[in-house]
Amino acid sequence: MRIATSAAAALIISLPVAALAHHGWSRYDSDNPMTITGPVVSSSYDNPHGSLVLVHDGRDWTIILAPPARMETRGLTQAMIAEGREVTVEGYPHRDGSPELRAERITAGGTTVELR
């Protein structure tokens, strides 16, 4: 019985750690928010979170979005971030300097949506 209880406790304690490890938000620099605008080159409305690539200052930027259910609930449809649409994204850049941004909010089609 003690082994089963210990195993269950270890599993419950490890779940938040596993979720944190998946997202790895510490890889993004929350002390230096930035805003970029550009046309969408490609987008994904898939779990565990959506993403898109947009062109800004001649570079392709990967944008990490929220889960699709959250985006839909808050008013960001897949059509709003379709290829060719212009969007503005506010978020945090990747610490390693790569052109990647964790989005906090996005403006598409005249609508601003809070993602976090």
Protein backbone atom coordinates (compact mmCIF):
# COMPACT_ATOMS: atom_id res chain seq x y z
CA MET A 1 0.00 0.00 0.00
CA ARG A 2 2.81 2.44 0.86
CA ILE A 3 4.49 1.80 -2.50
CA ALA A 4 1.26 2.55 -4.38
CA THR A 5 0.69 5.72 -2.35
CA SER A 6 4.27 6.86 -2.90
CA ALA A 7 4.05 6.16 -6.62
CA ALA A 8 0.77 8.11 -6.89
CA ALA A 9 2.22 11.04 -4.97
CA ALA A 10 5.33 11.09 -7.17
CA LEU A 11 3.16 11.10 -10.31
CA ILE A 12 0.98 13.96 -9.05
CA ILE A 13 4.00 16.03 -8.07
CA SER A 14 5.73 15.44 -11.42
CA LEU A 15 2.79 16.53 -13.60
CA PRO A 16 3.27 20.31 -13.16
CA VAL A 17 7.00 19.87 -13.76
CA ALA A 18 6.33 17.94 -16.97
CA ALA A 19 3.96 20.64 -18.20
CA LEU A 20 6.51 23.34 -17.43
CA ALA A 21 9.24 21.41 -19.21
CA HIS A 22 7.06 21.08 -22.31
CA HIS A 23 6.49 24.80 -22.64
CA GLY A 24 9.91 25.94 -21.57
CA TRP A 25 8.76 29.55 -21.25
CA SER A 26 12.06 30.43 -19.56
CA ARG A 27 13.62 30.26 -23.03
CA TYR A 28 11.85 33.55 -23.80
CA ASP A 29 13.01 36.95 -22.57
CA SER A 30 10.05 38.45 -20.72
CA ASP A 31 12.16 41.49 -19.78
CA ASN A 32 12.33 42.62 -23.42
CA PRO A 33 8.90 42.49 -25.03
CA MET A 34 8.72 43.33 -28.70
CA THR A 35 6.11 43.98 -31.36
CA ILE A 36 6.45 42.81 -34.94
CA THR A 37 4.17 43.14 -37.96
CA GLY A 38 4.17 41.29 -41.22
CA PRO A 39 2.40 38.97 -43.61
CA VAL A 40 1.74 35.39 -42.56
CA VAL A 41 3.77 32.88 -44.59
CA SER A 42 2.25 29.80 -42.93
CA SER A 43 0.14 28.98 -39.91
CA SER A 44 -0.85 26.03 -37.78
CA TYR A 45 -3.97 25.80 -35.66
CA ASP A 46 -2.92 22.53 -34.01
CA ASN A 47 -2.48 21.27 -30.46
CA PRO A 48 -0.70 21.68 -28.14
CA HIS A 49 -0.50 25.27 -29.43
CA GLY A 50 -0.83 27.08 -32.70
CA SER A 51 2.02 28.75 -34.49
CA LEU A 52 2.68 30.88 -37.49
CA VAL A 53 5.55 32.18 -39.53
CA LEU A 54 5.54 35.81 -40.59
CA VAL A 55 8.01 37.97 -42.44
CA HIS A 56 9.35 40.96 -40.50
CA ASP A 57 12.35 43.06 -41.59
CA GLY A 58 13.27 40.49 -44.23
CA ARG A 59 13.39 37.55 -41.78
CA ASP A 60 10.99 34.69 -41.22
CA TRP A 61 9.81 34.78 -37.60
CA THR A 62 8.29 31.76 -35.89
CA ILE A 63 5.47 32.81 -33.59
CA ILE A 64 4.31 30.47 -30.81
CA LEU A 65 0.60 31.00 -30.17
CA ALA A 66 -1.91 29.67 -27.61
CA PRO A 67 -3.80 26.36 -27.80
CA PRO A 68 -6.48 26.39 -30.54
CA ALA A 69 -9.37 26.14 -28.07
CA ARG A 70 -8.19 29.28 -26.26
CA MET A 71 -7.66 31.18 -29.53
CA GLU A 72 -11.11 30.22 -30.79
CA THR A 73 -12.78 31.12 -27.48
CA ARG A 74 -11.09 34.51 -27.44
CA GLY A 75 -12.01 35.30 -31.05
CA LEU A 76 -8.93 34.39 -33.09
CA THR A 77 -10.10 32.11 -35.88
CA GLN A 78 -7.89 30.09 -38.17
CA ALA A 79 -8.98 32.28 -41.10
CA MET A 80 -7.65 35.40 -39.34
CA ILE A 81 -4.09 34.01 -39.36
CA ALA A 82 -4.22 32.40 -42.79
CA GLU A 83 -1.37 32.73 -45.27
CA GLY A 84 -1.18 36.22 -46.76
CA ARG A 85 -2.93 37.98 -43.87
CA GLU A 86 -1.04 40.78 -42.14
CA VAL A 87 -0.78 40.44 -38.36
CA THR A 88 0.88 42.29 -35.50
CA VAL A 89 2.24 40.20 -32.67
CA GLU A 90 3.34 41.39 -29.23
CA GLY A 91 5.43 38.96 -27.23
CA TYR A 92 8.77 37.81 -25.95
CA PRO A 93 11.78 36.93 -28.11
CA HIS A 94 13.76 33.72 -27.76
CA ARG A 95 16.81 34.22 -25.54
CA ASP A 96 19.17 32.59 -28.05
CA GLY A 97 18.58 35.37 -30.59
CA SER A 98 16.74 33.19 -33.09
CA PRO A 99 13.77 34.83 -34.83
CA GLU A 100 11.14 33.26 -32.58
CA LEU A 101 8.55 34.98 -30.44
CA ARG A 102 6.18 33.69 -27.74
CA ALA A 103 3.02 35.66 -28.45
CA GLU A 104 1.14 37.40 -25.66
CA ARG A 105 -1.35 39.10 -27.98
CA ILE A 106 -2.04 39.25 -31.67
CA THR A 107 -3.90 41.73 -33.86
CA ALA A 108 -5.41 40.24 -36.98
CA GLY A 109 -8.19 41.60 -39.13
CA GLY A 110 -8.56 44.62 -36.86
CA THR A 111 -9.14 42.46 -33.78
CA THR A 112 -6.67 42.22 -30.90
CA VAL A 113 -6.73 38.94 -28.98
CA GLU A 114 -5.03 38.25 -25.64
CA LEU A 115 -3.42 34.82 -25.86
CA ARG A 116 -2.06 34.21 -22.34
